Amino acid sequence: MNDAADLQAVYARAARMVGRPIADEFILVPLVGHGAEVDAIFSLNGVAAFIWKQLDGTKNGVAIVKALVARYEVKPDQAGADYRGFVDKLLSINAITRVEATPAP
């Protein structure tokens, strides 16, 4: 299976990663069992925080890109590139997982 961000795919935040607003920033913090992983705290810009909040396991990339276009008045191509780039990064650090479609009975 290809792990690159797919606009048709639905992704959900991994239970091992939490997002929190801190002052004027939004950060991702891994829930860790090993001290070495504590260094992996990520500070998100506004667009990345918006995408993170949308990754709830119910919306596909098409819906999230449309929401980005509406929220930030950015062109669809740029919103798609921003989405794919951020989702690829989240996949690389295991912060999100792809939600598999449930077959109809």
N, C-alpha and C. Protein backbone atom coordinates (compact mmCIF):
# COMPACT_ATOMS: atom_id res chain seq x y z
N MET A 1 0.85 -1.18 0.00
CA MET A 1 0.00 0.00 0.00
C MET A 1 0.89 1.24 0.00
N ASN A 2 0.55 2.22 -0.77
CA ASN A 2 1.29 3.47 -0.84
C ASN A 2 0.87 4.37 0.33
N ASP A 3 1.86 4.86 1.08
CA ASP A 3 1.55 5.69 2.23
C ASP A 3 1.49 7.18 1.90
N ALA A 4 1.69 7.55 0.64
CA ALA A 4 1.61 8.97 0.28
C ALA A 4 0.17 9.45 0.44
N ALA A 5 0.03 10.71 0.82
CA ALA A 5 -1.29 11.29 1.03
C ALA A 5 -2.15 11.15 -0.21
N ASP A 6 -3.36 10.70 -0.03
CA ASP A 6 -4.32 10.47 -1.10
C ASP A 6 -5.56 11.30 -0.76
N LEU A 7 -6.01 12.12 -1.70
CA LEU A 7 -7.16 12.98 -1.42
C LEU A 7 -8.45 12.20 -1.21
N GLN A 8 -8.53 10.99 -1.72
CA GLN A 8 -9.73 10.18 -1.52
C GLN A 8 -9.72 9.45 -0.17
N ALA A 9 -8.53 9.34 0.42
CA ALA A 9 -8.39 8.59 1.67
C ALA A 9 -8.89 9.40 2.87
N VAL A 10 -9.26 8.67 3.89
CA VAL A 10 -9.68 9.25 5.16
C VAL A 10 -8.60 8.90 6.19
N TYR A 11 -8.15 9.89 6.92
CA TYR A 11 -7.12 9.68 7.94
C TYR A 11 -7.67 10.09 9.31
N ALA A 12 -7.15 9.44 10.34
CA ALA A 12 -7.53 9.76 11.71
C ALA A 12 -6.27 10.00 12.53
N ARG A 13 -6.39 10.87 13.50
CA ARG A 13 -5.26 11.13 14.39
C ARG A 13 -4.96 9.86 15.20
N ALA A 14 -3.68 9.57 15.35
CA ALA A 14 -3.25 8.41 16.12
C ALA A 14 -3.42 8.70 17.61
N ALA A 15 -3.77 7.68 18.36
CA ALA A 15 -3.97 7.84 19.80
C ALA A 15 -2.68 8.23 20.50
N ARG A 16 -1.54 7.96 19.90
CA ARG A 16 -0.24 8.24 20.52
C ARG A 16 0.18 9.70 20.37
N MET A 17 -0.62 10.51 19.67
CA MET A 17 -0.24 11.90 19.43
C MET A 17 -1.42 12.80 19.81
N VAL A 18 -1.14 13.83 20.59
CA VAL A 18 -2.20 14.77 20.97
C VAL A 18 -1.81 16.17 20.50
N GLY A 19 -2.82 16.94 20.16
CA GLY A 19 -2.62 18.33 19.76
C GLY A 19 -3.18 19.24 20.83
N ARG A 20 -2.43 20.29 21.15
CA ARG A 20 -2.86 21.22 22.19
C ARG A 20 -2.51 22.65 21.83
N PRO A 21 -3.44 23.58 22.08
CA PRO A 21 -3.08 24.99 21.93
C PRO A 21 -2.28 25.43 23.16
N ILE A 22 -1.16 26.07 22.92
CA ILE A 22 -0.33 26.59 24.00
C ILE A 22 -0.03 28.05 23.65
N ALA A 23 -0.53 28.97 24.45
CA ALA A 23 -0.40 30.40 24.17
C ALA A 23 -0.93 30.68 22.78
N ASP A 24 -0.10 31.20 21.89
CA ASP A 24 -0.54 31.52 20.52
C ASP A 24 -0.14 30.43 19.53
N GLU A 25 0.27 29.29 20.01
CA GLU A 25 0.72 28.20 19.13
C GLU A 25 -0.15 26.98 19.32
N PHE A 26 -0.03 26.06 18.36
CA PHE A 26 -0.68 24.76 18.46
C PHE A 26 0.43 23.74 18.32
N ILE A 27 0.55 22.83 19.27
CA ILE A 27 1.64 21.86 19.23
C ILE A 27 1.10 20.44 19.22
N LEU A 28 1.88 19.55 18.62
CA LEU A 28 1.62 18.11 18.68
C LEU A 28 2.63 17.51 19.63
N VAL A 29 2.14 16.69 20.53
CA VAL A 29 2.98 16.07 21.53
C VAL A 29 2.72 14.58 21.51
N PRO A 30 3.78 13.76 21.32
CA PRO A 30 3.57 12.32 21.38
C PRO A 30 3.40 11.86 22.82
N LEU A 31 2.49 10.92 23.02
CA LEU A 31 2.37 10.27 24.32
C LEU A 31 3.40 9.16 24.30
N VAL A 32 4.35 9.23 25.20
CA VAL A 32 5.52 8.36 25.09
C VAL A 32 5.67 7.40 26.24
N GLY A 33 6.37 6.34 25.93
CA GLY A 33 6.77 5.40 26.95
C GLY A 33 8.28 5.36 27.06
N HIS A 34 8.96 6.01 26.12
CA HIS A 34 10.42 6.02 26.09
C HIS A 34 10.91 7.47 26.13
N GLY A 35 11.89 7.75 26.97
CA GLY A 35 12.40 9.10 27.13
C GLY A 35 12.95 9.71 25.87
N ALA A 36 13.50 8.90 24.96
CA ALA A 36 14.11 9.43 23.74
C ALA A 36 13.08 10.11 22.84
N GLU A 37 11.82 9.73 22.94
CA GLU A 37 10.80 10.30 22.07
C GLU A 37 10.29 11.66 22.55
N VAL A 38 10.66 12.08 23.74
CA VAL A 38 10.17 13.33 24.28
C VAL A 38 10.61 14.53 23.43
N ASP A 39 11.71 14.39 22.71
CA ASP A 39 12.20 15.49 21.87
C ASP A 39 11.32 15.75 20.66
N ALA A 40 10.36 14.89 20.39
CA ALA A 40 9.55 14.99 19.17
C ALA A 40 8.28 15.79 19.42
N ILE A 41 8.41 17.07 19.71
CA ILE A 41 7.26 17.96 19.86
C ILE A 41 7.24 18.85 18.63
N PHE A 42 6.07 18.99 18.02
CA PHE A 42 5.95 19.71 16.76
C PHE A 42 5.07 20.95 16.94
N SER A 43 5.56 22.08 16.50
CA SER A 43 4.80 23.32 16.53
C SER A 43 4.16 23.50 15.16
N LEU A 44 2.83 23.73 15.13
CA LEU A 44 2.10 23.83 13.88
C LEU A 44 1.71 25.27 13.59
N ASN A 45 1.77 25.63 12.31
CA ASN A 45 1.25 26.94 11.90
C ASN A 45 -0.27 26.82 11.81
N GLY A 46 -0.95 27.91 11.49
CA GLY A 46 -2.40 27.92 11.47
C GLY A 46 -3.01 26.94 10.49
N VAL A 47 -2.43 26.84 9.29
CA VAL A 47 -2.95 25.91 8.28
C VAL A 47 -2.77 24.47 8.75
N ALA A 48 -1.60 24.15 9.26
CA ALA A 48 -1.34 22.79 9.74
C ALA A 48 -2.27 22.44 10.91
N ALA A 49 -2.48 23.36 11.82
CA ALA A 49 -3.39 23.11 12.95
C ALA A 49 -4.82 22.89 12.44
N PHE A 50 -5.23 23.65 11.44
CA PHE A 50 -6.56 23.48 10.85
C PHE A 50 -6.70 22.08 10.25
N ILE A 51 -5.70 21.65 9.49
CA ILE A 51 -5.73 20.31 8.89
C ILE A 51 -5.76 19.26 9.99
N TRP A 52 -4.90 19.40 11.00
CA TRP A 52 -4.84 18.43 12.10
C TRP A 52 -6.22 18.23 12.73
N LYS A 53 -6.91 19.32 12.97
CA LYS A 53 -8.22 19.24 13.61
C LYS A 53 -9.25 18.55 12.70
N GLN A 54 -9.06 18.64 11.38
CA GLN A 54 -10.00 18.02 10.43
C GLN A 54 -9.77 16.50 10.30
N LEU A 55 -8.61 16.03 10.68
CA LEU A 55 -8.27 14.61 10.52
C LEU A 55 -8.92 13.79 11.63
N ASP A 56 -10.23 13.64 11.54
CA ASP A 56 -11.00 13.00 12.60
C ASP A 56 -11.51 11.62 12.22
N GLY A 57 -11.06 11.10 11.09
CA GLY A 57 -11.48 9.77 10.67
C GLY A 57 -12.80 9.74 9.92
N THR A 58 -13.38 10.92 9.62
CA THR A 58 -14.66 10.96 8.91
C THR A 58 -14.59 11.70 7.58
N LYS A 59 -13.59 12.58 7.41
CA LYS A 59 -13.50 13.40 6.20
C LYS A 59 -12.34 12.93 5.33
N ASN A 60 -12.57 12.92 4.01
CA ASN A 60 -11.46 12.60 3.13
C ASN A 60 -10.71 13.88 2.77
N GLY A 61 -9.62 13.72 2.04
CA GLY A 61 -8.79 14.85 1.69
C GLY A 61 -9.51 15.87 0.82
N VAL A 62 -10.41 15.41 -0.04
CA VAL A 62 -11.17 16.33 -0.89
C VAL A 62 -11.97 17.30 -0.02
N ALA A 63 -12.65 16.79 0.99
CA ALA A 63 -13.45 17.63 1.89
C ALA A 63 -12.56 18.59 2.68
N ILE A 64 -11.40 18.12 3.11
CA ILE A 64 -10.51 18.97 3.90
C ILE A 64 -9.91 20.07 3.03
N VAL A 65 -9.55 19.73 1.79
CA VAL A 65 -9.01 20.74 0.87
C VAL A 65 -10.08 21.79 0.58
N LYS A 66 -11.33 21.38 0.38
CA LYS A 66 -12.41 22.35 0.16
C LYS A 66 -12.56 23.26 1.37
N ALA A 67 -12.45 22.70 2.57
CA ALA A 67 -12.54 23.50 3.79
C ALA A 67 -11.37 24.49 3.89
N LEU A 68 -10.18 24.05 3.47
CA LEU A 68 -9.02 24.95 3.45
C LEU A 68 -9.25 26.13 2.51
N VAL A 69 -9.78 25.84 1.33
CA VAL A 69 -10.04 26.88 0.34
C VAL A 69 -11.04 27.90 0.90
N ALA A 70 -12.08 27.41 1.55
CA ALA A 70 -13.09 28.30 2.13
C ALA A 70 -12.54 29.11 3.30
N ARG A 71 -11.75 28.48 4.14
CA ARG A 71 -11.25 29.13 5.35
C ARG A 71 -10.15 30.14 5.07
N TYR A 72 -9.25 29.80 4.16
CA TYR A 72 -8.06 30.63 3.96
C TYR A 72 -8.05 31.34 2.60
N GLU A 73 -9.08 31.19 1.80
CA GLU A 73 -9.16 31.83 0.50
C GLU A 73 -7.89 31.59 -0.32
N VAL A 74 -7.47 30.34 -0.34
CA VAL A 74 -6.30 29.92 -1.10
C VAL A 74 -6.79 29.15 -2.33
N LYS A 75 -5.98 29.10 -3.36
CA LYS A 75 -6.35 28.37 -4.57
C LYS A 75 -6.37 26.87 -4.28
N PRO A 76 -7.28 26.13 -4.92
CA PRO A 76 -7.38 24.69 -4.68
C PRO A 76 -6.07 23.93 -4.88
N ASP A 77 -5.29 24.28 -5.90
CA ASP A 77 -4.02 23.59 -6.13
C ASP A 77 -3.07 23.77 -4.95
N GLN A 78 -3.01 25.00 -4.42
CA GLN A 78 -2.13 25.27 -3.28
C GLN A 78 -2.64 24.56 -2.03
N ALA A 79 -3.96 24.59 -1.82
CA ALA A 79 -4.53 23.90 -0.66
C ALA A 79 -4.26 22.40 -0.73
N GLY A 80 -4.38 21.83 -1.92
CA GLY A 80 -4.10 20.41 -2.10
C GLY A 80 -2.64 20.08 -1.82
N ALA A 81 -1.74 20.93 -2.28
CA ALA A 81 -0.31 20.72 -2.04
C ALA A 81 0.01 20.84 -0.55
N ASP A 82 -0.58 21.84 0.12
CA ASP A 82 -0.38 22.00 1.56
C ASP A 82 -0.89 20.78 2.31
N TYR A 83 -2.08 20.31 1.93
CA TYR A 83 -2.67 19.14 2.58
C TYR A 83 -1.78 17.92 2.40
N ARG A 84 -1.41 17.65 1.15
CA ARG A 84 -0.60 16.46 0.88
C ARG A 84 0.74 16.51 1.62
N GLY A 85 1.39 17.67 1.60
CA GLY A 85 2.68 17.79 2.26
C GLY A 85 2.59 17.55 3.76
N PHE A 86 1.58 18.14 4.38
CA PHE A 86 1.42 17.97 5.83
C PHE A 86 1.01 16.55 6.18
N VAL A 87 0.09 15.98 5.42
CA VAL A 87 -0.33 14.59 5.70
C VAL A 87 0.83 13.63 5.49
N ASP A 88 1.64 13.84 4.46
CA ASP A 88 2.82 12.99 4.26
C ASP A 88 3.74 13.06 5.48
N LYS A 89 3.94 14.27 6.02
CA LYS A 89 4.78 14.42 7.21
C LYS A 89 4.16 13.68 8.40
N LEU A 90 2.85 13.84 8.60
CA LEU A 90 2.18 13.15 9.70
C LEU A 90 2.27 11.64 9.56
N LEU A 91 2.15 11.13 8.34
CA LEU A 91 2.29 9.69 8.10
C LEU A 91 3.70 9.23 8.44
N SER A 92 4.70 10.04 8.11
CA SER A 92 6.09 9.65 8.34
C SER A 92 6.44 9.55 9.82
N ILE A 93 5.70 10.26 10.67
CA ILE A 93 5.97 10.20 12.11
C ILE A 93 4.90 9.40 12.85
N ASN A 94 4.06 8.70 12.09
CA ASN A 94 2.99 7.86 12.66
C ASN A 94 2.02 8.64 13.54
N ALA A 95 1.75 9.89 13.17
CA ALA A 95 0.83 10.72 13.93
C ALA A 95 -0.62 10.52 13.49
N ILE A 96 -0.80 9.95 12.29
CA ILE A 96 -2.13 9.65 11.77
C ILE A 96 -2.12 8.26 11.16
N THR A 97 -3.31 7.70 11.02
CA THR A 97 -3.46 6.41 10.37
C THR A 97 -4.57 6.51 9.33
N ARG A 98 -4.42 5.74 8.30
CA ARG A 98 -5.44 5.70 7.25
C ARG A 98 -6.61 4.85 7.74
N VAL A 99 -7.81 5.38 7.56
CA VAL A 99 -9.01 4.67 7.97
C VAL A 99 -9.48 3.87 6.76
N GLU A 100 -9.56 2.58 6.90
CA GLU A 100 -9.99 1.73 5.80
C GLU A 100 -11.51 1.76 5.71
N ALA A 101 -11.99 1.83 4.49
CA ALA A 101 -13.43 1.82 4.25
C ALA A 101 -14.01 0.49 4.70
N THR A 102 -15.17 0.54 5.33
CA THR A 102 -15.87 -0.67 5.74
C THR A 102 -16.73 -1.15 4.58
N PRO A 103 -16.52 -2.41 4.14
CA PRO A 103 -17.33 -2.88 3.03
C PRO A 103 -18.81 -2.95 3.39
N ALA A 104 -19.64 -2.63 2.43
CA ALA A 104 -21.09 -2.70 2.64
C ALA A 104 -21.50 -4.15 2.80
N PRO A 105 -22.52 -4.43 3.65
CA PRO A 105 -22.95 -5.84 3.86
C PRO A 105 -23.61 -6.42 2.64
